[in-house]
Amino acid sequence: AADAPKINALRWLGSHNSYRPDLDP
């Protein structure tokens, strides 16, 4: 259990200002 990988070894790809809708023309 001590050797099990922790979440700080993960990698996340995220979105910035995730709430802003798509900009149609």
PDBML (XML) file of the C-alpha atoms, coordinates in Angstrom:
<?xml version="1.0" encoding="UTF-8" ?>
<PDBx:datablock datablockName="MODEL"
   xmlns:PDBx="http://pdbml.pdb.org/schema/pdbx-v50.xsd"
   xmlns:xsi="http://www.w3.org/2001/XMLSchema-instance"
   xsi:schemaLocation="http://pdbml.pdb.org/schema/pdbx-v50.xsd pdbx-v50.xsd">
   <PDBx:atom_siteCategory>
      <PDBx:atom_site id="1">
         <PDBx:B_iso_or_equiv>0.00</PDBx:B_iso_or_equiv>
         <PDBx:Cartn_x>0.000</PDBx:Cartn_x>
         <PDBx:Cartn_y>0.000</PDBx:Cartn_y>
         <PDBx:Cartn_z>0.000</PDBx:Cartn_z>
         <PDBx:auth_asym_id>A</PDBx:auth_asym_id>
         <PDBx:auth_atom_id>CA</PDBx:auth_atom_id>
         <PDBx:auth_comp_id>ALA</PDBx:auth_comp_id>
         <PDBx:auth_seq_id>1</PDBx:auth_seq_id>
         <PDBx:group_PDB>ATOM</PDBx:group_PDB>
         <PDBx:label_alt_id xsi:nil="true" />
         <PDBx:label_asym_id>A</PDBx:label_asym_id>
         <PDBx:label_atom_id>CA</PDBx:label_atom_id>
         <PDBx:label_comp_id>ALA</PDBx:label_comp_id>
         <PDBx:label_entity_id>1</PDBx:label_entity_id>
         <PDBx:label_seq_id>1</PDBx:label_seq_id>
         <PDBx:occupancy>1.00</PDBx:occupancy>
         <PDBx:pdbx_PDB_model_num>1</PDBx:pdbx_PDB_model_num>
         <PDBx:type_symbol>C</PDBx:type_symbol>
      </PDBx:atom_site>
      <PDBx:atom_site id="2">
         <PDBx:B_iso_or_equiv>0.00</PDBx:B_iso_or_equiv>
         <PDBx:Cartn_x>2.852</PDBx:Cartn_x>
         <PDBx:Cartn_y>2.371</PDBx:Cartn_y>
         <PDBx:Cartn_z>0.821</PDBx:Cartn_z>
         <PDBx:auth_asym_id>A</PDBx:auth_asym_id>
         <PDBx:auth_atom_id>CA</PDBx:auth_atom_id>
         <PDBx:auth_comp_id>ALA</PDBx:auth_comp_id>
         <PDBx:auth_seq_id>2</PDBx:auth_seq_id>
         <PDBx:group_PDB>ATOM</PDBx:group_PDB>
         <PDBx:label_alt_id xsi:nil="true" />
         <PDBx:label_asym_id>A</PDBx:label_asym_id>
         <PDBx:label_atom_id>CA</PDBx:label_atom_id>
         <PDBx:label_comp_id>ALA</PDBx:label_comp_id>
         <PDBx:label_entity_id>1</PDBx:label_entity_id>
         <PDBx:label_seq_id>2</PDBx:label_seq_id>
         <PDBx:occupancy>1.00</PDBx:occupancy>
         <PDBx:pdbx_PDB_model_num>1</PDBx:pdbx_PDB_model_num>
         <PDBx:type_symbol>C</PDBx:type_symbol>
      </PDBx:atom_site>
      <PDBx:atom_site id="3">
         <PDBx:B_iso_or_equiv>0.00</PDBx:B_iso_or_equiv>
         <PDBx:Cartn_x>4.388</PDBx:Cartn_x>
         <PDBx:Cartn_y>1.732</PDBx:Cartn_y>
         <PDBx:Cartn_z>-2.589</PDBx:Cartn_z>
         <PDBx:auth_asym_id>A</PDBx:auth_asym_id>
         <PDBx:auth_atom_id>CA</PDBx:auth_atom_id>
         <PDBx:auth_comp_id>ASP</PDBx:auth_comp_id>
         <PDBx:auth_seq_id>3</PDBx:auth_seq_id>
         <PDBx:group_PDB>ATOM</PDBx:group_PDB>
         <PDBx:label_alt_id xsi:nil="true" />
         <PDBx:label_asym_id>A</PDBx:label_asym_id>
         <PDBx:label_atom_id>CA</PDBx:label_atom_id>
         <PDBx:label_comp_id>ASP</PDBx:label_comp_id>
         <PDBx:label_entity_id>1</PDBx:label_entity_id>
         <PDBx:label_seq_id>3</PDBx:label_seq_id>
         <PDBx:occupancy>1.00</PDBx:occupancy>
         <PDBx:pdbx_PDB_model_num>1</PDBx:pdbx_PDB_model_num>
         <PDBx:type_symbol>C</PDBx:type_symbol>
      </PDBx:atom_site>
      <PDBx:atom_site id="4">
         <PDBx:B_iso_or_equiv>0.00</PDBx:B_iso_or_equiv>
         <PDBx:Cartn_x>1.095</PDBx:Cartn_x>
         <PDBx:Cartn_y>2.173</PDBx:Cartn_y>
         <PDBx:Cartn_z>-4.463</PDBx:Cartn_z>
         <PDBx:auth_asym_id>A</PDBx:auth_asym_id>
         <PDBx:auth_atom_id>CA</PDBx:auth_atom_id>
         <PDBx:auth_comp_id>ALA</PDBx:auth_comp_id>
         <PDBx:auth_seq_id>4</PDBx:auth_seq_id>
         <PDBx:group_PDB>ATOM</PDBx:group_PDB>
         <PDBx:label_alt_id xsi:nil="true" />
         <PDBx:label_asym_id>A</PDBx:label_asym_id>
         <PDBx:label_atom_id>CA</PDBx:label_atom_id>
         <PDBx:label_comp_id>ALA</PDBx:label_comp_id>
         <PDBx:label_entity_id>1</PDBx:label_entity_id>
         <PDBx:label_seq_id>4</PDBx:label_seq_id>
         <PDBx:occupancy>1.00</PDBx:occupancy>
         <PDBx:pdbx_PDB_model_num>1</PDBx:pdbx_PDB_model_num>
         <PDBx:type_symbol>C</PDBx:type_symbol>
      </PDBx:atom_site>
      <PDBx:atom_site id="5">
         <PDBx:B_iso_or_equiv>0.00</PDBx:B_iso_or_equiv>
         <PDBx:Cartn_x>1.226</PDBx:Cartn_x>
         <PDBx:Cartn_y>5.188</PDBx:Cartn_y>
         <PDBx:Cartn_z>-6.795</PDBx:Cartn_z>
         <PDBx:auth_asym_id>A</PDBx:auth_asym_id>
         <PDBx:auth_atom_id>CA</PDBx:auth_atom_id>
         <PDBx:auth_comp_id>PRO</PDBx:auth_comp_id>
         <PDBx:auth_seq_id>5</PDBx:auth_seq_id>
         <PDBx:group_PDB>ATOM</PDBx:group_PDB>
         <PDBx:label_alt_id xsi:nil="true" />
         <PDBx:label_asym_id>A</PDBx:label_asym_id>
         <PDBx:label_atom_id>CA</PDBx:label_atom_id>
         <PDBx:label_comp_id>PRO</PDBx:label_comp_id>
         <PDBx:label_entity_id>1</PDBx:label_entity_id>
         <PDBx:label_seq_id>5</PDBx:label_seq_id>
         <PDBx:occupancy>1.00</PDBx:occupancy>
         <PDBx:pdbx_PDB_model_num>1</PDBx:pdbx_PDB_model_num>
         <PDBx:type_symbol>C</PDBx:type_symbol>
      </PDBx:atom_site>
      <PDBx:atom_site id="6">
         <PDBx:B_iso_or_equiv>0.00</PDBx:B_iso_or_equiv>
         <PDBx:Cartn_x>-0.408</PDBx:Cartn_x>
         <PDBx:Cartn_y>8.310</PDBx:Cartn_y>
         <PDBx:Cartn_z>-5.369</PDBx:Cartn_z>
         <PDBx:auth_asym_id>A</PDBx:auth_asym_id>
         <PDBx:auth_atom_id>CA</PDBx:auth_atom_id>
         <PDBx:auth_comp_id>LYS</PDBx:auth_comp_id>
         <PDBx:auth_seq_id>6</PDBx:auth_seq_id>
         <PDBx:group_PDB>ATOM</PDBx:group_PDB>
         <PDBx:label_alt_id xsi:nil="true" />
         <PDBx:label_asym_id>A</PDBx:label_asym_id>
         <PDBx:label_atom_id>CA</PDBx:label_atom_id>
         <PDBx:label_comp_id>LYS</PDBx:label_comp_id>
         <PDBx:label_entity_id>1</PDBx:label_entity_id>
         <PDBx:label_seq_id>6</PDBx:label_seq_id>
         <PDBx:occupancy>1.00</PDBx:occupancy>
         <PDBx:pdbx_PDB_model_num>1</PDBx:pdbx_PDB_model_num>
         <PDBx:type_symbol>C</PDBx:type_symbol>
      </PDBx:atom_site>
      <PDBx:atom_site id="7">
         <PDBx:B_iso_or_equiv>0.00</PDBx:B_iso_or_equiv>
         <PDBx:Cartn_x>-2.496</PDBx:Cartn_x>
         <PDBx:Cartn_y>10.844</PDBx:Cartn_y>
         <PDBx:Cartn_z>-7.240</PDBx:Cartn_z>
         <PDBx:auth_asym_id>A</PDBx:auth_asym_id>
         <PDBx:auth_atom_id>CA</PDBx:auth_atom_id>
         <PDBx:auth_comp_id>ILE</PDBx:auth_comp_id>
         <PDBx:auth_seq_id>7</PDBx:auth_seq_id>
         <PDBx:group_PDB>ATOM</PDBx:group_PDB>
         <PDBx:label_alt_id xsi:nil="true" />
         <PDBx:label_asym_id>A</PDBx:label_asym_id>
         <PDBx:label_atom_id>CA</PDBx:label_atom_id>
         <PDBx:label_comp_id>ILE</PDBx:label_comp_id>
         <PDBx:label_entity_id>1</PDBx:label_entity_id>
         <PDBx:label_seq_id>7</PDBx:label_seq_id>
         <PDBx:occupancy>1.00</PDBx:occupancy>
         <PDBx:pdbx_PDB_model_num>1</PDBx:pdbx_PDB_model_num>
         <PDBx:type_symbol>C</PDBx:type_symbol>
      </PDBx:atom_site>
      <PDBx:atom_site id="8">
         <PDBx:B_iso_or_equiv>0.00</PDBx:B_iso_or_equiv>
         <PDBx:Cartn_x>0.330</PDBx:Cartn_x>
         <PDBx:Cartn_y>13.373</PDBx:Cartn_y>
         <PDBx:Cartn_z>-7.328</PDBx:Cartn_z>
         <PDBx:auth_asym_id>A</PDBx:auth_asym_id>
         <PDBx:auth_atom_id>CA</PDBx:auth_atom_id>
         <PDBx:auth_comp_id>ASN</PDBx:auth_comp_id>
         <PDBx:auth_seq_id>8</PDBx:auth_seq_id>
         <PDBx:group_PDB>ATOM</PDBx:group_PDB>
         <PDBx:label_alt_id xsi:nil="true" />
         <PDBx:label_asym_id>A</PDBx:label_asym_id>
         <PDBx:label_atom_id>CA</PDBx:label_atom_id>
         <PDBx:label_comp_id>ASN</PDBx:label_comp_id>
         <PDBx:label_entity_id>1</PDBx:label_entity_id>
         <PDBx:label_seq_id>8</PDBx:label_seq_id>
         <PDBx:occupancy>1.00</PDBx:occupancy>
         <PDBx:pdbx_PDB_model_num>1</PDBx:pdbx_PDB_model_num>
         <PDBx:type_symbol>C</PDBx:type_symbol>
      </PDBx:atom_site>
      <PDBx:atom_site id="9">
         <PDBx:B_iso_or_equiv>0.00</PDBx:B_iso_or_equiv>
         <PDBx:Cartn_x>1.956</PDBx:Cartn_x>
         <PDBx:Cartn_y>11.040</PDBx:Cartn_y>
         <PDBx:Cartn_z>-9.863</PDBx:Cartn_z>
         <PDBx:auth_asym_id>A</PDBx:auth_asym_id>
         <PDBx:auth_atom_id>CA</PDBx:auth_atom_id>
         <PDBx:auth_comp_id>ALA</PDBx:auth_comp_id>
         <PDBx:auth_seq_id>9</PDBx:auth_seq_id>
         <PDBx:group_PDB>ATOM</PDBx:group_PDB>
         <PDBx:label_alt_id xsi:nil="true" />
         <PDBx:label_asym_id>A</PDBx:label_asym_id>
         <PDBx:label_atom_id>CA</PDBx:label_atom_id>
         <PDBx:label_comp_id>ALA</PDBx:label_comp_id>
         <PDBx:label_entity_id>1</PDBx:label_entity_id>
         <PDBx:label_seq_id>9</PDBx:label_seq_id>
         <PDBx:occupancy>1.00</PDBx:occupancy>
         <PDBx:pdbx_PDB_model_num>1</PDBx:pdbx_PDB_model_num>
         <PDBx:type_symbol>C</PDBx:type_symbol>
      </PDBx:atom_site>
      <PDBx:atom_site id="10">
         <PDBx:B_iso_or_equiv>0.00</PDBx:B_iso_or_equiv>
         <PDBx:Cartn_x>-1.016</PDBx:Cartn_x>
         <PDBx:Cartn_y>11.424</PDBx:Cartn_y>
         <PDBx:Cartn_z>-12.213</PDBx:Cartn_z>
         <PDBx:auth_asym_id>A</PDBx:auth_asym_id>
         <PDBx:auth_atom_id>CA</PDBx:auth_atom_id>
         <PDBx:auth_comp_id>LEU</PDBx:auth_comp_id>
         <PDBx:auth_seq_id>10</PDBx:auth_seq_id>
         <PDBx:group_PDB>ATOM</PDBx:group_PDB>
         <PDBx:label_alt_id xsi:nil="true" />
         <PDBx:label_asym_id>A</PDBx:label_asym_id>
         <PDBx:label_atom_id>CA</PDBx:label_atom_id>
         <PDBx:label_comp_id>LEU</PDBx:label_comp_id>
         <PDBx:label_entity_id>1</PDBx:label_entity_id>
         <PDBx:label_seq_id>10</PDBx:label_seq_id>
         <PDBx:occupancy>1.00</PDBx:occupancy>
         <PDBx:pdbx_PDB_model_num>1</PDBx:pdbx_PDB_model_num>
         <PDBx:type_symbol>C</PDBx:type_symbol>
      </PDBx:atom_site>
      <PDBx:atom_site id="11">
         <PDBx:B_iso_or_equiv>0.00</PDBx:B_iso_or_equiv>
         <PDBx:Cartn_x>-1.274</PDBx:Cartn_x>
         <PDBx:Cartn_y>13.849</PDBx:Cartn_y>
         <PDBx:Cartn_z>-15.122</PDBx:Cartn_z>
         <PDBx:auth_asym_id>A</PDBx:auth_asym_id>
         <PDBx:auth_atom_id>CA</PDBx:auth_atom_id>
         <PDBx:auth_comp_id>ARG</PDBx:auth_comp_id>
         <PDBx:auth_seq_id>11</PDBx:auth_seq_id>
         <PDBx:group_PDB>ATOM</PDBx:group_PDB>
         <PDBx:label_alt_id xsi:nil="true" />
         <PDBx:label_asym_id>A</PDBx:label_asym_id>
         <PDBx:label_atom_id>CA</PDBx:label_atom_id>
         <PDBx:label_comp_id>ARG</PDBx:label_comp_id>
         <PDBx:label_entity_id>1</PDBx:label_entity_id>
         <PDBx:label_seq_id>11</PDBx:label_seq_id>
         <PDBx:occupancy>1.00</PDBx:occupancy>
         <PDBx:pdbx_PDB_model_num>1</PDBx:pdbx_PDB_model_num>
         <PDBx:type_symbol>C</PDBx:type_symbol>
      </PDBx:atom_site>
      <PDBx:atom_site id="12">
         <PDBx:B_iso_or_equiv>0.00</PDBx:B_iso_or_equiv>
         <PDBx:Cartn_x>-4.434</PDBx:Cartn_x>
         <PDBx:Cartn_y>15.822</PDBx:Cartn_y>
         <PDBx:Cartn_z>-15.927</PDBx:Cartn_z>
         <PDBx:auth_asym_id>A</PDBx:auth_asym_id>
         <PDBx:auth_atom_id>CA</PDBx:auth_atom_id>
         <PDBx:auth_comp_id>TRP</PDBx:auth_comp_id>
         <PDBx:auth_seq_id>12</PDBx:auth_seq_id>
         <PDBx:group_PDB>ATOM</PDBx:group_PDB>
         <PDBx:label_alt_id xsi:nil="true" />
         <PDBx:label_asym_id>A</PDBx:label_asym_id>
         <PDBx:label_atom_id>CA</PDBx:label_atom_id>
         <PDBx:label_comp_id>TRP</PDBx:label_comp_id>
         <PDBx:label_entity_id>1</PDBx:label_entity_id>
         <PDBx:label_seq_id>12</PDBx:label_seq_id>
         <PDBx:occupancy>1.00</PDBx:occupancy>
         <PDBx:pdbx_PDB_model_num>1</PDBx:pdbx_PDB_model_num>
         <PDBx:type_symbol>C</PDBx:type_symbol>
      </PDBx:atom_site>
      <PDBx:atom_site id="13">
         <PDBx:B_iso_or_equiv>0.00</PDBx:B_iso_or_equiv>
         <PDBx:Cartn_x>-5.288</PDBx:Cartn_x>
         <PDBx:Cartn_y>17.745</PDBx:Cartn_y>
         <PDBx:Cartn_z>-19.090</PDBx:Cartn_z>
         <PDBx:auth_asym_id>A</PDBx:auth_asym_id>
         <PDBx:auth_atom_id>CA</PDBx:auth_atom_id>
         <PDBx:auth_comp_id>LEU</PDBx:auth_comp_id>
         <PDBx:auth_seq_id>13</PDBx:auth_seq_id>
         <PDBx:group_PDB>ATOM</PDBx:group_PDB>
         <PDBx:label_alt_id xsi:nil="true" />
         <PDBx:label_asym_id>A</PDBx:label_asym_id>
         <PDBx:label_atom_id>CA</PDBx:label_atom_id>
         <PDBx:label_comp_id>LEU</PDBx:label_comp_id>
         <PDBx:label_entity_id>1</PDBx:label_entity_id>
         <PDBx:label_seq_id>13</PDBx:label_seq_id>
         <PDBx:occupancy>1.00</PDBx:occupancy>
         <PDBx:pdbx_PDB_model_num>1</PDBx:pdbx_PDB_model_num>
         <PDBx:type_symbol>C</PDBx:type_symbol>
      </PDBx:atom_site>
      <PDBx:atom_site id="14">
         <PDBx:B_iso_or_equiv>0.00</PDBx:B_iso_or_equiv>
         <PDBx:Cartn_x>-7.769</PDBx:Cartn_x>
         <PDBx:Cartn_y>20.456</PDBx:Cartn_y>
         <PDBx:Cartn_z>-18.229</PDBx:Cartn_z>
         <PDBx:auth_asym_id>A</PDBx:auth_asym_id>
         <PDBx:auth_atom_id>CA</PDBx:auth_atom_id>
         <PDBx:auth_comp_id>GLY</PDBx:auth_comp_id>
         <PDBx:auth_seq_id>14</PDBx:auth_seq_id>
         <PDBx:group_PDB>ATOM</PDBx:group_PDB>
         <PDBx:label_alt_id xsi:nil="true" />
         <PDBx:label_asym_id>A</PDBx:label_asym_id>
         <PDBx:label_atom_id>CA</PDBx:label_atom_id>
         <PDBx:label_comp_id>GLY</PDBx:label_comp_id>
         <PDBx:label_entity_id>1</PDBx:label_entity_id>
         <PDBx:label_seq_id>14</PDBx:label_seq_id>
         <PDBx:occupancy>1.00</PDBx:occupancy>
         <PDBx:pdbx_PDB_model_num>1</PDBx:pdbx_PDB_model_num>
         <PDBx:type_symbol>C</PDBx:type_symbol>
      </PDBx:atom_site>
      <PDBx:atom_site id="15">
         <PDBx:B_iso_or_equiv>0.00</PDBx:B_iso_or_equiv>
         <PDBx:Cartn_x>-9.907</PDBx:Cartn_x>
         <PDBx:Cartn_y>23.159</PDBx:Cartn_y>
         <PDBx:Cartn_z>-19.777</PDBx:Cartn_z>
         <PDBx:auth_asym_id>A</PDBx:auth_asym_id>
         <PDBx:auth_atom_id>CA</PDBx:auth_atom_id>
         <PDBx:auth_comp_id>SER</PDBx:auth_comp_id>
         <PDBx:auth_seq_id>15</PDBx:auth_seq_id>
         <PDBx:group_PDB>ATOM</PDBx:group_PDB>
         <PDBx:label_alt_id xsi:nil="true" />
         <PDBx:label_asym_id>A</PDBx:label_asym_id>
         <PDBx:label_atom_id>CA</PDBx:label_atom_id>
         <PDBx:label_comp_id>SER</PDBx:label_comp_id>
         <PDBx:label_entity_id>1</PDBx:label_entity_id>
         <PDBx:label_seq_id>15</PDBx:label_seq_id>
         <PDBx:occupancy>1.00</PDBx:occupancy>
         <PDBx:pdbx_PDB_model_num>1</PDBx:pdbx_PDB_model_num>
         <PDBx:type_symbol>C</PDBx:type_symbol>
      </PDBx:atom_site>
      <PDBx:atom_site id="16">
         <PDBx:B_iso_or_equiv>0.00</PDBx:B_iso_or_equiv>
         <PDBx:Cartn_x>-9.506</PDBx:Cartn_x>
         <PDBx:Cartn_y>26.825</PDBx:Cartn_y>
         <PDBx:Cartn_z>-18.861</PDBx:Cartn_z>
         <PDBx:auth_asym_id>A</PDBx:auth_asym_id>
         <PDBx:auth_atom_id>CA</PDBx:auth_atom_id>
         <PDBx:auth_comp_id>HIS</PDBx:auth_comp_id>
         <PDBx:auth_seq_id>16</PDBx:auth_seq_id>
         <PDBx:group_PDB>ATOM</PDBx:group_PDB>
         <PDBx:label_alt_id xsi:nil="true" />
         <PDBx:label_asym_id>A</PDBx:label_asym_id>
         <PDBx:label_atom_id>CA</PDBx:label_atom_id>
         <PDBx:label_comp_id>HIS</PDBx:label_comp_id>
         <PDBx:label_entity_id>1</PDBx:label_entity_id>
         <PDBx:label_seq_id>16</PDBx:label_seq_id>
         <PDBx:occupancy>1.00</PDBx:occupancy>
         <PDBx:pdbx_PDB_model_num>1</PDBx:pdbx_PDB_model_num>
         <PDBx:type_symbol>C</PDBx:type_symbol>
      </PDBx:atom_site>
      <PDBx:atom_site id="17">
         <PDBx:B_iso_or_equiv>0.00</PDBx:B_iso_or_equiv>
         <PDBx:Cartn_x>-12.728</PDBx:Cartn_x>
         <PDBx:Cartn_y>28.701</PDBx:Cartn_y>
         <PDBx:Cartn_z>-18.020</PDBx:Cartn_z>
         <PDBx:auth_asym_id>A</PDBx:auth_asym_id>
         <PDBx:auth_atom_id>CA</PDBx:auth_atom_id>
         <PDBx:auth_comp_id>ASN</PDBx:auth_comp_id>
         <PDBx:auth_seq_id>17</PDBx:auth_seq_id>
         <PDBx:group_PDB>ATOM</PDBx:group_PDB>
         <PDBx:label_alt_id xsi:nil="true" />
         <PDBx:label_asym_id>A</PDBx:label_asym_id>
         <PDBx:label_atom_id>CA</PDBx:label_atom_id>
         <PDBx:label_comp_id>ASN</PDBx:label_comp_id>
         <PDBx:label_entity_id>1</PDBx:label_entity_id>
         <PDBx:label_seq_id>17</PDBx:label_seq_id>
         <PDBx:occupancy>1.00</PDBx:occupancy>
         <PDBx:pdbx_PDB_model_num>1</PDBx:pdbx_PDB_model_num>
         <PDBx:type_symbol>C</PDBx:type_symbol>
      </PDBx:atom_site>
      <PDBx:atom_site id="18">
         <PDBx:B_iso_or_equiv>0.00</PDBx:B_iso_or_equiv>
         <PDBx:Cartn_x>-14.622</PDBx:Cartn_x>
         <PDBx:Cartn_y>25.490</PDBx:Cartn_y>
         <PDBx:Cartn_z>-18.656</PDBx:Cartn_z>
         <PDBx:auth_asym_id>A</PDBx:auth_asym_id>
         <PDBx:auth_atom_id>CA</PDBx:auth_atom_id>
         <PDBx:auth_comp_id>SER</PDBx:auth_comp_id>
         <PDBx:auth_seq_id>18</PDBx:auth_seq_id>
         <PDBx:group_PDB>ATOM</PDBx:group_PDB>
         <PDBx:label_alt_id xsi:nil="true" />
         <PDBx:label_asym_id>A</PDBx:label_asym_id>
         <PDBx:label_atom_id>CA</PDBx:label_atom_id>
         <PDBx:label_comp_id>SER</PDBx:label_comp_id>
         <PDBx:label_entity_id>1</PDBx:label_entity_id>
         <PDBx:label_seq_id>18</PDBx:label_seq_id>
         <PDBx:occupancy>1.00</PDBx:occupancy>
         <PDBx:pdbx_PDB_model_num>1</PDBx:pdbx_PDB_model_num>
         <PDBx:type_symbol>C</PDBx:type_symbol>
      </PDBx:atom_site>
      <PDBx:atom_site id="19">
         <PDBx:B_iso_or_equiv>0.00</PDBx:B_iso_or_equiv>
         <PDBx:Cartn_x>-18.026</PDBx:Cartn_x>
         <PDBx:Cartn_y>27.201</PDBx:Cartn_y>
         <PDBx:Cartn_z>-18.400</PDBx:Cartn_z>
         <PDBx:auth_asym_id>A</PDBx:auth_asym_id>
         <PDBx:auth_atom_id>CA</PDBx:auth_atom_id>
         <PDBx:auth_comp_id>TYR</PDBx:auth_comp_id>
         <PDBx:auth_seq_id>19</PDBx:auth_seq_id>
         <PDBx:group_PDB>ATOM</PDBx:group_PDB>
         <PDBx:label_alt_id xsi:nil="true" />
         <PDBx:label_asym_id>A</PDBx:label_asym_id>
         <PDBx:label_atom_id>CA</PDBx:label_atom_id>
         <PDBx:label_comp_id>TYR</PDBx:label_comp_id>
         <PDBx:label_entity_id>1</PDBx:label_entity_id>
         <PDBx:label_seq_id>19</PDBx:label_seq_id>
         <PDBx:occupancy>1.00</PDBx:occupancy>
         <PDBx:pdbx_PDB_model_num>1</PDBx:pdbx_PDB_model_num>
         <PDBx:type_symbol>C</PDBx:type_symbol>
      </PDBx:atom_site>
      <PDBx:atom_site id="20">
         <PDBx:B_iso_or_equiv>0.00</PDBx:B_iso_or_equiv>
         <PDBx:Cartn_x>-17.575</PDBx:Cartn_x>
         <PDBx:Cartn_y>29.533</PDBx:Cartn_y>
         <PDBx:Cartn_z>-21.429</PDBx:Cartn_z>
         <PDBx:auth_asym_id>A</PDBx:auth_asym_id>
         <PDBx:auth_atom_id>CA</PDBx:auth_atom_id>
         <PDBx:auth_comp_id>ARG</PDBx:auth_comp_id>
         <PDBx:auth_seq_id>20</PDBx:auth_seq_id>
         <PDBx:group_PDB>ATOM</PDBx:group_PDB>
         <PDBx:label_alt_id xsi:nil="true" />
         <PDBx:label_asym_id>A</PDBx:label_asym_id>
         <PDBx:label_atom_id>CA</PDBx:label_atom_id>
         <PDBx:label_comp_id>ARG</PDBx:label_comp_id>
         <PDBx:label_entity_id>1</PDBx:label_entity_id>
         <PDBx:label_seq_id>20</PDBx:label_seq_id>
         <PDBx:occupancy>1.00</PDBx:occupancy>
         <PDBx:pdbx_PDB_model_num>1</PDBx:pdbx_PDB_model_num>
         <PDBx:type_symbol>C</PDBx:type_symbol>
      </PDBx:atom_site>
      <PDBx:atom_site id="21">
         <PDBx:B_iso_or_equiv>0.00</PDBx:B_iso_or_equiv>
         <PDBx:Cartn_x>-19.744</PDBx:Cartn_x>
         <PDBx:Cartn_y>28.265</PDBx:Cartn_y>
         <PDBx:Cartn_z>-24.310</PDBx:Cartn_z>
         <PDBx:auth_asym_id>A</PDBx:auth_asym_id>
         <PDBx:auth_atom_id>CA</PDBx:auth_atom_id>
         <PDBx:auth_comp_id>PRO</PDBx:auth_comp_id>
         <PDBx:auth_seq_id>21</PDBx:auth_seq_id>
         <PDBx:group_PDB>ATOM</PDBx:group_PDB>
         <PDBx:label_alt_id xsi:nil="true" />
         <PDBx:label_asym_id>A</PDBx:label_asym_id>
         <PDBx:label_atom_id>CA</PDBx:label_atom_id>
         <PDBx:label_comp_id>PRO</PDBx:label_comp_id>
         <PDBx:label_entity_id>1</PDBx:label_entity_id>
         <PDBx:label_seq_id>21</PDBx:label_seq_id>
         <PDBx:occupancy>1.00</PDBx:occupancy>
         <PDBx:pdbx_PDB_model_num>1</PDBx:pdbx_PDB_model_num>
         <PDBx:type_symbol>C</PDBx:type_symbol>
      </PDBx:atom_site>
      <PDBx:atom_site id="22">
         <PDBx:B_iso_or_equiv>0.00</PDBx:B_iso_or_equiv>
         <PDBx:Cartn_x>-18.601</PDBx:Cartn_x>
         <PDBx:Cartn_y>27.656</PDBx:Cartn_y>
         <PDBx:Cartn_z>-27.849</PDBx:Cartn_z>
         <PDBx:auth_asym_id>A</PDBx:auth_asym_id>
         <PDBx:auth_atom_id>CA</PDBx:auth_atom_id>
         <PDBx:auth_comp_id>ASP</PDBx:auth_comp_id>
         <PDBx:auth_seq_id>22</PDBx:auth_seq_id>
         <PDBx:group_PDB>ATOM</PDBx:group_PDB>
         <PDBx:label_alt_id xsi:nil="true" />
         <PDBx:label_asym_id>A</PDBx:label_asym_id>
         <PDBx:label_atom_id>CA</PDBx:label_atom_id>
         <PDBx:label_comp_id>ASP</PDBx:label_comp_id>
         <PDBx:label_entity_id>1</PDBx:label_entity_id>
         <PDBx:label_seq_id>22</PDBx:label_seq_id>
         <PDBx:occupancy>1.00</PDBx:occupancy>
         <PDBx:pdbx_PDB_model_num>1</PDBx:pdbx_PDB_model_num>
         <PDBx:type_symbol>C</PDBx:type_symbol>
      </PDBx:atom_site>
      <PDBx:atom_site id="23">
         <PDBx:B_iso_or_equiv>0.00</PDBx:B_iso_or_equiv>
         <PDBx:Cartn_x>-18.497</PDBx:Cartn_x>
         <PDBx:Cartn_y>30.851</PDBx:Cartn_y>
         <PDBx:Cartn_z>-29.923</PDBx:Cartn_z>
         <PDBx:auth_asym_id>A</PDBx:auth_asym_id>
         <PDBx:auth_atom_id>CA</PDBx:auth_atom_id>
         <PDBx:auth_comp_id>LEU</PDBx:auth_comp_id>
         <PDBx:auth_seq_id>23</PDBx:auth_seq_id>
         <PDBx:group_PDB>ATOM</PDBx:group_PDB>
         <PDBx:label_alt_id xsi:nil="true" />
         <PDBx:label_asym_id>A</PDBx:label_asym_id>
         <PDBx:label_atom_id>CA</PDBx:label_atom_id>
         <PDBx:label_comp_id>LEU</PDBx:label_comp_id>
         <PDBx:label_entity_id>1</PDBx:label_entity_id>
         <PDBx:label_seq_id>23</PDBx:label_seq_id>
         <PDBx:occupancy>1.00</PDBx:occupancy>
         <PDBx:pdbx_PDB_model_num>1</PDBx:pdbx_PDB_model_num>
         <PDBx:type_symbol>C</PDBx:type_symbol>
      </PDBx:atom_site>
      <PDBx:atom_site id="24">
         <PDBx:B_iso_or_equiv>0.00</PDBx:B_iso_or_equiv>
         <PDBx:Cartn_x>-20.594</PDBx:Cartn_x>
         <PDBx:Cartn_y>30.400</PDBx:Cartn_y>
         <PDBx:Cartn_z>-33.040</PDBx:Cartn_z>
         <PDBx:auth_asym_id>A</PDBx:auth_asym_id>
         <PDBx:auth_atom_id>CA</PDBx:auth_atom_id>
         <PDBx:auth_comp_id>ASP</PDBx:auth_comp_id>
         <PDBx:auth_seq_id>24</PDBx:auth_seq_id>
         <PDBx:group_PDB>ATOM</PDBx:group_PDB>
         <PDBx:label_alt_id xsi:nil="true" />
         <PDBx:label_asym_id>A</PDBx:label_asym_id>
         <PDBx:label_atom_id>CA</PDBx:label_atom_id>
         <PDBx:label_comp_id>ASP</PDBx:label_comp_id>
         <PDBx:label_entity_id>1</PDBx:label_entity_id>
         <PDBx:label_seq_id>24</PDBx:label_seq_id>
         <PDBx:occupancy>1.00</PDBx:occupancy>
         <PDBx:pdbx_PDB_model_num>1</PDBx:pdbx_PDB_model_num>
         <PDBx:type_symbol>C</PDBx:type_symbol>
      </PDBx:atom_site>
      <PDBx:atom_site id="25">
         <PDBx:B_iso_or_equiv>0.00</PDBx:B_iso_or_equiv>
         <PDBx:Cartn_x>-20.273</PDBx:Cartn_x>
         <PDBx:Cartn_y>33.139</PDBx:Cartn_y>
         <PDBx:Cartn_z>-35.699</PDBx:Cartn_z>
         <PDBx:auth_asym_id>A</PDBx:auth_asym_id>
         <PDBx:auth_atom_id>CA</PDBx:auth_atom_id>
         <PDBx:auth_comp_id>PRO</PDBx:auth_comp_id>
         <PDBx:auth_seq_id>25</PDBx:auth_seq_id>
         <PDBx:group_PDB>ATOM</PDBx:group_PDB>
         <PDBx:label_alt_id xsi:nil="true" />
         <PDBx:label_asym_id>A</PDBx:label_asym_id>
         <PDBx:label_atom_id>CA</PDBx:label_atom_id>
         <PDBx:label_comp_id>PRO</PDBx:label_comp_id>
         <PDBx:label_entity_id>1</PDBx:label_entity_id>
         <PDBx:label_seq_id>25</PDBx:label_seq_id>
         <PDBx:occupancy>1.00</PDBx:occupancy>
         <PDBx:pdbx_PDB_model_num>1</PDBx:pdbx_PDB_model_num>
         <PDBx:type_symbol>C</PDBx:type_symbol>
      </PDBx:atom_site>
   </PDBx:atom_siteCategory>
</PDBx:datablock>
